[in-house]
């Protein structure tokens, strides 16, 4: 019975590792998109092209020779394979939206902190005069 269970566990472990790698790739891509300030256009593009995700992934295969000078080929292969599945496109959209929201909250917090600092400086100046 042990022999029959080992291959199953091995496949399960490989699938789990592969899923983590896929999530890491999606996170890296989403982070880069948000960092570049292209979150909204990326979401718009991905939402509108979601029904054509398989054709889009095949276009990425076609463009591979041009793109592989900029990307690690292993990651690029995995990326266009991921984009065949609409669920992964949705994961990417969700991740970009989450990062956009987080970035927005961080900017708001920084703005609040600057406002508090200015108020303190103003009060200190009033106290000195």
N, C-alpha and C. Protein backbone atom coordinates (compact mmCIF):
# COMPACT_ATOMS: atom_id res chain seq x y z
N UNK A 1 0.82 -1.20 0.00
CA UNK A 1 0.00 0.00 0.00
C UNK A 1 0.87 1.26 0.00
N UNK A 2 2.03 1.17 0.64
CA UNK A 2 2.92 2.32 0.70
C UNK A 2 3.39 2.74 -0.69
N UNK A 3 3.64 1.77 -1.55
CA UNK A 3 4.08 2.08 -2.92
C UNK A 3 3.02 2.87 -3.69
N UNK A 4 1.80 2.53 -3.46
CA UNK A 4 0.72 3.21 -4.15
C UNK A 4 0.49 4.62 -3.64
N UNK A 5 0.86 4.88 -2.41
CA UNK A 5 0.64 6.18 -1.80
C UNK A 5 1.76 7.17 -2.13
N UNK A 6 2.97 6.70 -2.28
CA UNK A 6 4.11 7.59 -2.54
C UNK A 6 3.95 8.44 -3.81
N UNK A 7 3.62 7.84 -4.95
CA UNK A 7 3.46 8.69 -6.13
C UNK A 7 2.37 9.74 -5.96
N UNK A 8 1.30 9.38 -5.28
CA UNK A 8 0.23 10.33 -5.05
C UNK A 8 0.71 11.50 -4.21
N UNK A 9 1.43 11.21 -3.12
CA UNK A 9 1.94 12.26 -2.26
C UNK A 9 2.96 13.13 -2.99
N UNK A 10 3.79 12.50 -3.82
CA UNK A 10 4.78 13.25 -4.59
C UNK A 10 4.09 14.21 -5.55
N UNK A 11 3.06 13.73 -6.25
CA UNK A 11 2.31 14.58 -7.17
C UNK A 11 1.64 15.72 -6.42
N UNK A 12 1.09 15.42 -5.25
CA UNK A 12 0.43 16.43 -4.43
C UNK A 12 1.42 17.50 -4.00
N UNK A 13 2.61 17.10 -3.59
CA UNK A 13 3.65 18.03 -3.17
C UNK A 13 4.11 18.89 -4.34
N UNK A 14 4.31 18.28 -5.50
CA UNK A 14 4.72 19.04 -6.69
C UNK A 14 3.65 20.04 -7.09
N UNK A 15 2.38 19.63 -7.02
CA UNK A 15 1.28 20.54 -7.36
C UNK A 15 1.23 21.71 -6.40
N UNK A 16 1.46 21.44 -5.12
CA UNK A 16 1.44 22.49 -4.11
C UNK A 16 2.59 23.48 -4.35
N UNK A 17 3.78 22.97 -4.65
CA UNK A 17 4.93 23.83 -4.94
C UNK A 17 4.69 24.64 -6.20
N UNK A 18 4.13 24.01 -7.20
CA UNK A 18 3.85 24.68 -8.47
C UNK A 18 2.85 25.81 -8.26
N UNK A 19 1.83 25.57 -7.43
CA UNK A 19 0.82 26.59 -7.16
C UNK A 19 1.45 27.78 -6.43
N UNK A 20 2.37 27.51 -5.50
CA UNK A 20 3.06 28.60 -4.79
C UNK A 20 3.91 29.40 -5.76
N UNK A 21 4.59 28.72 -6.68
CA UNK A 21 5.39 29.41 -7.69
C UNK A 21 4.51 30.27 -8.59
N UNK A 22 3.35 29.73 -8.95
CA UNK A 22 2.41 30.49 -9.79
C UNK A 22 1.94 31.74 -9.07
N UNK A 23 1.59 31.59 -7.80
CA UNK A 23 1.15 32.74 -7.01
C UNK A 23 2.27 33.76 -6.87
N UNK A 24 3.49 33.29 -6.70
CA UNK A 24 4.63 34.20 -6.59
C UNK A 24 4.84 34.97 -7.89
N UNK A 25 4.67 34.29 -9.01
CA UNK A 25 4.81 34.95 -10.31
C UNK A 25 3.71 35.99 -10.50
N UNK A 26 2.49 35.65 -10.14
CA UNK A 26 1.38 36.60 -10.25
C UNK A 26 1.61 37.80 -9.33
N UNK A 27 2.08 37.54 -8.11
CA UNK A 27 2.38 38.64 -7.18
C UNK A 27 3.47 39.55 -7.72
N UNK A 28 4.51 38.96 -8.28
CA UNK A 28 5.61 39.76 -8.82
C UNK A 28 5.14 40.64 -9.97
N UNK A 29 4.33 40.07 -10.84
CA UNK A 29 3.82 40.83 -11.98
C UNK A 29 2.90 41.95 -11.50
N UNK A 30 2.00 41.64 -10.57
CA UNK A 30 1.08 42.65 -10.06
C UNK A 30 1.84 43.77 -9.36
N UNK A 31 2.86 43.42 -8.59
CA UNK A 31 3.66 44.41 -7.89
C UNK A 31 4.34 45.35 -8.88
N UNK A 32 4.88 44.77 -9.93
CA UNK A 32 5.57 45.60 -10.93
C UNK A 32 4.59 46.53 -11.65
N UNK A 33 3.42 46.02 -11.98
CA UNK A 33 2.41 46.83 -12.67
C UNK A 33 2.00 48.01 -11.79
N UNK A 34 1.75 47.75 -10.52
CA UNK A 34 1.32 48.81 -9.61
C UNK A 34 2.45 49.81 -9.38
N UNK A 35 3.67 49.31 -9.23
CA UNK A 35 4.82 50.19 -9.03
C UNK A 35 5.02 51.14 -10.21
N UNK A 36 4.70 50.66 -11.40
CA UNK A 36 4.84 51.48 -12.60
C UNK A 36 3.67 52.45 -12.77
N UNK A 37 2.64 52.32 -11.91
CA UNK A 37 1.49 53.21 -12.00
C UNK A 37 0.50 52.80 -13.08
N UNK A 38 0.52 51.55 -13.48
CA UNK A 38 -0.35 51.08 -14.56
C UNK A 38 -1.46 50.15 -14.06
N UNK A 39 -1.82 50.29 -12.80
CA UNK A 39 -2.82 49.41 -12.22
C UNK A 39 -4.17 49.50 -12.92
N UNK A 40 -4.68 50.71 -13.07
CA UNK A 40 -6.01 50.89 -13.69
C UNK A 40 -6.01 50.44 -15.15
N UNK A 41 -5.04 50.85 -15.98
CA UNK A 41 -5.04 50.36 -17.36
C UNK A 41 -4.90 48.84 -17.45
N UNK A 42 -4.10 48.27 -16.55
CA UNK A 42 -3.92 46.81 -16.57
C UNK A 42 -5.21 46.10 -16.22
N UNK A 43 -5.92 46.60 -15.20
CA UNK A 43 -7.20 46.00 -14.82
C UNK A 43 -8.19 46.11 -15.97
N UNK A 44 -8.26 47.27 -16.59
CA UNK A 44 -9.16 47.47 -17.73
C UNK A 44 -8.84 46.50 -18.85
N UNK A 45 -7.57 46.40 -19.19
CA UNK A 45 -7.16 45.49 -20.26
C UNK A 45 -7.46 44.04 -19.92
N UNK A 46 -7.13 43.62 -18.72
CA UNK A 46 -7.34 42.23 -18.32
C UNK A 46 -8.82 41.88 -18.25
N UNK A 47 -9.63 42.79 -17.73
CA UNK A 47 -11.07 42.54 -17.66
C UNK A 47 -11.67 42.42 -19.06
N UNK A 48 -11.24 43.29 -19.96
CA UNK A 48 -11.83 43.26 -21.30
C UNK A 48 -11.33 42.09 -22.14
N UNK A 49 -10.15 41.58 -21.82
CA UNK A 49 -9.61 40.48 -22.61
C UNK A 49 -9.77 39.12 -21.95
N UNK A 50 -10.42 39.08 -20.79
CA UNK A 50 -10.58 37.81 -20.07
C UNK A 50 -11.26 36.74 -20.93
N UNK A 51 -12.31 37.07 -21.70
CA UNK A 51 -12.92 36.02 -22.53
C UNK A 51 -11.98 35.46 -23.61
N UNK A 52 -10.98 36.23 -23.95
CA UNK A 52 -10.04 35.80 -24.99
C UNK A 52 -8.69 35.39 -24.41
N UNK A 53 -8.68 34.96 -23.15
CA UNK A 53 -7.42 34.69 -22.48
C UNK A 53 -6.60 33.61 -23.18
N UNK A 54 -7.25 32.60 -23.73
CA UNK A 54 -6.49 31.56 -24.41
C UNK A 54 -5.81 32.11 -25.66
N UNK A 55 -6.56 32.90 -26.44
CA UNK A 55 -5.94 33.50 -27.64
C UNK A 55 -4.81 34.45 -27.27
N UNK A 56 -5.01 35.18 -26.18
CA UNK A 56 -3.96 36.08 -25.72
C UNK A 56 -2.71 35.33 -25.32
N UNK A 57 -2.90 34.19 -24.67
CA UNK A 57 -1.72 33.40 -24.27
C UNK A 57 -1.00 32.85 -25.50
N UNK A 58 -1.75 32.53 -26.54
CA UNK A 58 -1.11 32.05 -27.76
C UNK A 58 -0.36 33.18 -28.47
N UNK A 59 -0.87 34.41 -28.36
CA UNK A 59 -0.15 35.56 -28.88
C UNK A 59 1.18 35.73 -28.13
N UNK A 60 1.15 35.50 -26.82
CA UNK A 60 2.38 35.58 -26.04
C UNK A 60 3.39 34.53 -26.49
N UNK A 61 2.90 33.35 -26.87
CA UNK A 61 3.79 32.31 -27.39
C UNK A 61 4.43 32.80 -28.68
N UNK A 62 3.63 33.42 -29.53
CA UNK A 62 4.12 33.94 -30.80
C UNK A 62 5.19 35.02 -30.58
N UNK A 63 4.98 35.85 -29.58
CA UNK A 63 5.90 36.96 -29.31
C UNK A 63 7.12 36.56 -28.48
N UNK A 64 7.19 35.31 -28.09
CA UNK A 64 8.26 34.83 -27.22
C UNK A 64 9.66 35.21 -27.70
N UNK A 65 10.00 35.04 -28.97
CA UNK A 65 11.37 35.39 -29.38
C UNK A 65 11.72 36.86 -29.15
N UNK A 66 10.73 37.73 -29.26
CA UNK A 66 10.99 39.15 -29.05
C UNK A 66 11.08 39.50 -27.57
N UNK A 67 10.29 38.82 -26.77
CA UNK A 67 10.19 39.15 -25.36
C UNK A 67 11.28 38.51 -24.52
N UNK A 68 11.80 37.37 -24.95
CA UNK A 68 12.74 36.66 -24.09
C UNK A 68 14.05 37.41 -23.85
N UNK A 69 14.28 38.47 -24.56
CA UNK A 69 15.45 39.29 -24.25
C UNK A 69 15.24 40.10 -22.97
N UNK A 70 13.97 40.33 -22.59
CA UNK A 70 13.66 41.14 -21.41
C UNK A 70 13.30 40.31 -20.19
N UNK A 71 12.79 39.10 -20.38
CA UNK A 71 12.31 38.27 -19.28
C UNK A 71 13.11 36.99 -19.17
N UNK A 72 13.11 36.44 -17.97
CA UNK A 72 13.67 35.12 -17.76
C UNK A 72 12.76 34.13 -18.49
N UNK A 73 13.29 33.36 -19.39
CA UNK A 73 12.48 32.51 -20.26
C UNK A 73 11.64 31.51 -19.48
N UNK A 74 12.15 30.99 -18.37
CA UNK A 74 11.37 30.05 -17.58
C UNK A 74 10.11 30.72 -17.03
N UNK A 75 10.26 31.92 -16.51
CA UNK A 75 9.11 32.66 -15.99
C UNK A 75 8.14 33.02 -17.10
N UNK A 76 8.66 33.38 -18.26
CA UNK A 76 7.80 33.75 -19.37
C UNK A 76 6.98 32.55 -19.83
N UNK A 77 7.61 31.39 -19.92
CA UNK A 77 6.87 30.17 -20.29
C UNK A 77 5.74 29.92 -19.30
N UNK A 78 6.06 30.05 -18.03
CA UNK A 78 5.05 29.82 -16.99
C UNK A 78 3.95 30.87 -17.07
N UNK A 79 4.34 32.11 -17.38
CA UNK A 79 3.37 33.20 -17.46
C UNK A 79 2.34 32.96 -18.55
N UNK A 80 2.80 32.64 -19.76
CA UNK A 80 1.79 32.46 -20.81
C UNK A 80 0.97 31.20 -20.60
N UNK A 81 1.51 30.22 -19.90
CA UNK A 81 0.72 29.05 -19.53
C UNK A 81 -0.34 29.43 -18.51
N UNK A 82 0.02 30.27 -17.56
CA UNK A 82 -0.94 30.73 -16.56
C UNK A 82 -2.07 31.55 -17.18
N UNK A 83 -1.74 32.36 -18.17
CA UNK A 83 -2.73 33.25 -18.76
C UNK A 83 -3.75 32.51 -19.63
N UNK A 84 -3.52 31.24 -19.89
CA UNK A 84 -4.52 30.44 -20.62
C UNK A 84 -5.78 30.25 -19.78
N UNK A 85 -5.63 30.24 -18.48
CA UNK A 85 -6.72 29.96 -17.56
C UNK A 85 -7.33 31.26 -17.05
N UNK A 86 -8.63 31.42 -17.21
CA UNK A 86 -9.30 32.65 -16.79
C UNK A 86 -9.21 32.86 -15.27
N UNK A 87 -9.15 31.79 -14.52
CA UNK A 87 -9.04 31.93 -13.06
C UNK A 87 -7.74 32.64 -12.68
N UNK A 88 -6.67 32.34 -13.40
CA UNK A 88 -5.39 33.01 -13.12
C UNK A 88 -5.43 34.47 -13.54
N UNK A 89 -6.15 34.76 -14.61
CA UNK A 89 -6.32 36.16 -15.02
C UNK A 89 -7.06 36.90 -13.91
N UNK A 90 -8.09 36.26 -13.37
CA UNK A 90 -8.85 36.87 -12.27
C UNK A 90 -7.98 37.05 -11.03
N UNK A 91 -7.11 36.08 -10.74
CA UNK A 91 -6.18 36.22 -9.60
C UNK A 91 -5.27 37.43 -9.80
N UNK A 92 -4.79 37.59 -11.02
CA UNK A 92 -3.92 38.73 -11.32
C UNK A 92 -4.67 40.05 -11.14
N UNK A 93 -5.90 40.10 -11.62
CA UNK A 93 -6.72 41.31 -11.46
C UNK A 93 -6.92 41.62 -9.98
N UNK A 94 -7.28 40.60 -9.21
CA UNK A 94 -7.51 40.79 -7.78
C UNK A 94 -6.25 41.28 -7.07
N UNK A 95 -5.12 40.71 -7.44
CA UNK A 95 -3.86 41.09 -6.80
C UNK A 95 -3.50 42.53 -7.13
N UNK A 96 -3.70 42.94 -8.39
CA UNK A 96 -3.43 44.33 -8.78
C UNK A 96 -4.36 45.26 -8.01
N UNK A 97 -5.64 44.90 -7.91
CA UNK A 97 -6.59 45.74 -7.18
C UNK A 97 -6.19 45.86 -5.70
N UNK A 98 -5.78 44.75 -5.10
CA UNK A 98 -5.36 44.77 -3.70
C UNK A 98 -4.14 45.66 -3.50
N UNK A 99 -3.18 45.54 -4.38
CA UNK A 99 -1.97 46.36 -4.27
C UNK A 99 -2.26 47.83 -4.51
N UNK A 100 -3.17 48.11 -5.45
CA UNK A 100 -3.56 49.50 -5.70
C UNK A 100 -4.20 50.10 -4.45
N UNK A 101 -5.08 49.34 -3.81
CA UNK A 101 -5.75 49.80 -2.59
C UNK A 101 -4.74 50.02 -1.47
N UNK A 102 -3.81 49.10 -1.34
CA UNK A 102 -2.77 49.22 -0.31
C UNK A 102 -1.92 50.47 -0.55
N UNK A 103 -1.55 50.70 -1.80
CA UNK A 103 -0.75 51.87 -2.15
C UNK A 103 -1.52 53.15 -1.86
N UNK A 104 -2.80 53.15 -2.16
CA UNK A 104 -3.65 54.31 -1.90
C UNK A 104 -3.72 54.61 -0.39
N UNK A 105 -3.89 53.56 0.41
CA UNK A 105 -3.94 53.73 1.87
C UNK A 105 -2.60 54.25 2.41
N UNK A 106 -1.49 53.74 1.88
CA UNK A 106 -0.18 54.20 2.33
C UNK A 106 0.03 55.67 2.01
N UNK A 107 -0.39 56.09 0.82
CA UNK A 107 -0.27 57.50 0.45
C UNK A 107 -1.13 58.38 1.35
N UNK A 108 -2.33 57.92 1.66
CA UNK A 108 -3.22 58.68 2.54
C UNK A 108 -2.60 58.81 3.93
N UNK A 109 -2.00 57.73 4.42
CA UNK A 109 -1.36 57.76 5.73
C UNK A 109 -0.17 58.72 5.73
N UNK A 110 0.62 58.70 4.68
CA UNK A 110 1.75 59.63 4.57
C UNK A 110 1.26 61.08 4.56
N UNK A 111 0.16 61.30 3.87
CA UNK A 111 -0.39 62.65 3.81
C UNK A 111 -0.86 63.10 5.19
N UNK A 112 -1.51 62.18 5.94
CA UNK A 112 -1.95 62.50 7.29
C UNK A 112 -0.76 62.82 8.19
N UNK A 113 0.30 62.04 8.05
CA UNK A 113 1.50 62.26 8.87
C UNK A 113 2.13 63.61 8.57
N UNK A 114 2.20 63.97 7.28
CA UNK A 114 2.76 65.28 6.90
C UNK A 114 1.90 66.41 7.46
N UNK A 115 0.59 66.22 7.44
CA UNK A 115 -0.31 67.24 7.95
C UNK A 115 -0.11 67.42 9.45
N UNK A 116 0.06 66.33 10.17
CA UNK A 116 0.30 66.40 11.61
C UNK A 116 1.62 67.09 11.89
N UNK A 117 2.66 66.76 11.11
CA UNK A 117 3.98 67.40 11.27
C UNK A 117 3.88 68.91 11.05
N UNK A 118 3.18 69.31 10.00
CA UNK A 118 3.04 70.74 9.71
C UNK A 118 2.32 71.46 10.84
N UNK A 119 1.31 70.79 11.38
CA UNK A 119 0.55 71.38 12.49
C UNK A 119 1.45 71.55 13.71
N UNK A 120 2.28 70.55 14.01
CA UNK A 120 3.22 70.64 15.14
C UNK A 120 4.23 71.77 14.94
N UNK A 121 4.76 71.86 13.72
CA UNK A 121 5.73 72.92 13.43
C UNK A 121 5.10 74.29 13.59
N UNK A 122 3.87 74.42 13.13
CA UNK A 122 3.17 75.69 13.23
C UNK A 122 2.95 76.06 14.70
N UNK A 123 2.56 75.08 15.51
CA UNK A 123 2.36 75.32 16.95
C UNK A 123 3.67 75.69 17.63
N UNK A 124 4.77 75.03 17.23
CA UNK A 124 6.07 75.36 17.82
C UNK A 124 6.49 76.76 17.47
N UNK A 125 6.23 77.20 16.23
CA UNK A 125 6.58 78.55 15.83
C UNK A 125 5.75 79.58 16.61
N UNK A 126 4.48 79.25 16.85
CA UNK A 126 3.63 80.17 17.61
C UNK A 126 4.12 80.28 19.05
N UNK A 127 4.58 79.17 19.60
CA UNK A 127 5.07 79.16 20.98
C UNK A 127 6.35 79.95 21.14
N UNK A 128 7.19 79.99 20.12
CA UNK A 128 8.47 80.70 20.19
C UNK A 128 8.30 82.20 20.03
N UNK A 129 7.27 82.61 19.33
CA UNK A 129 7.12 84.05 19.11
C UNK A 129 6.37 84.77 20.18
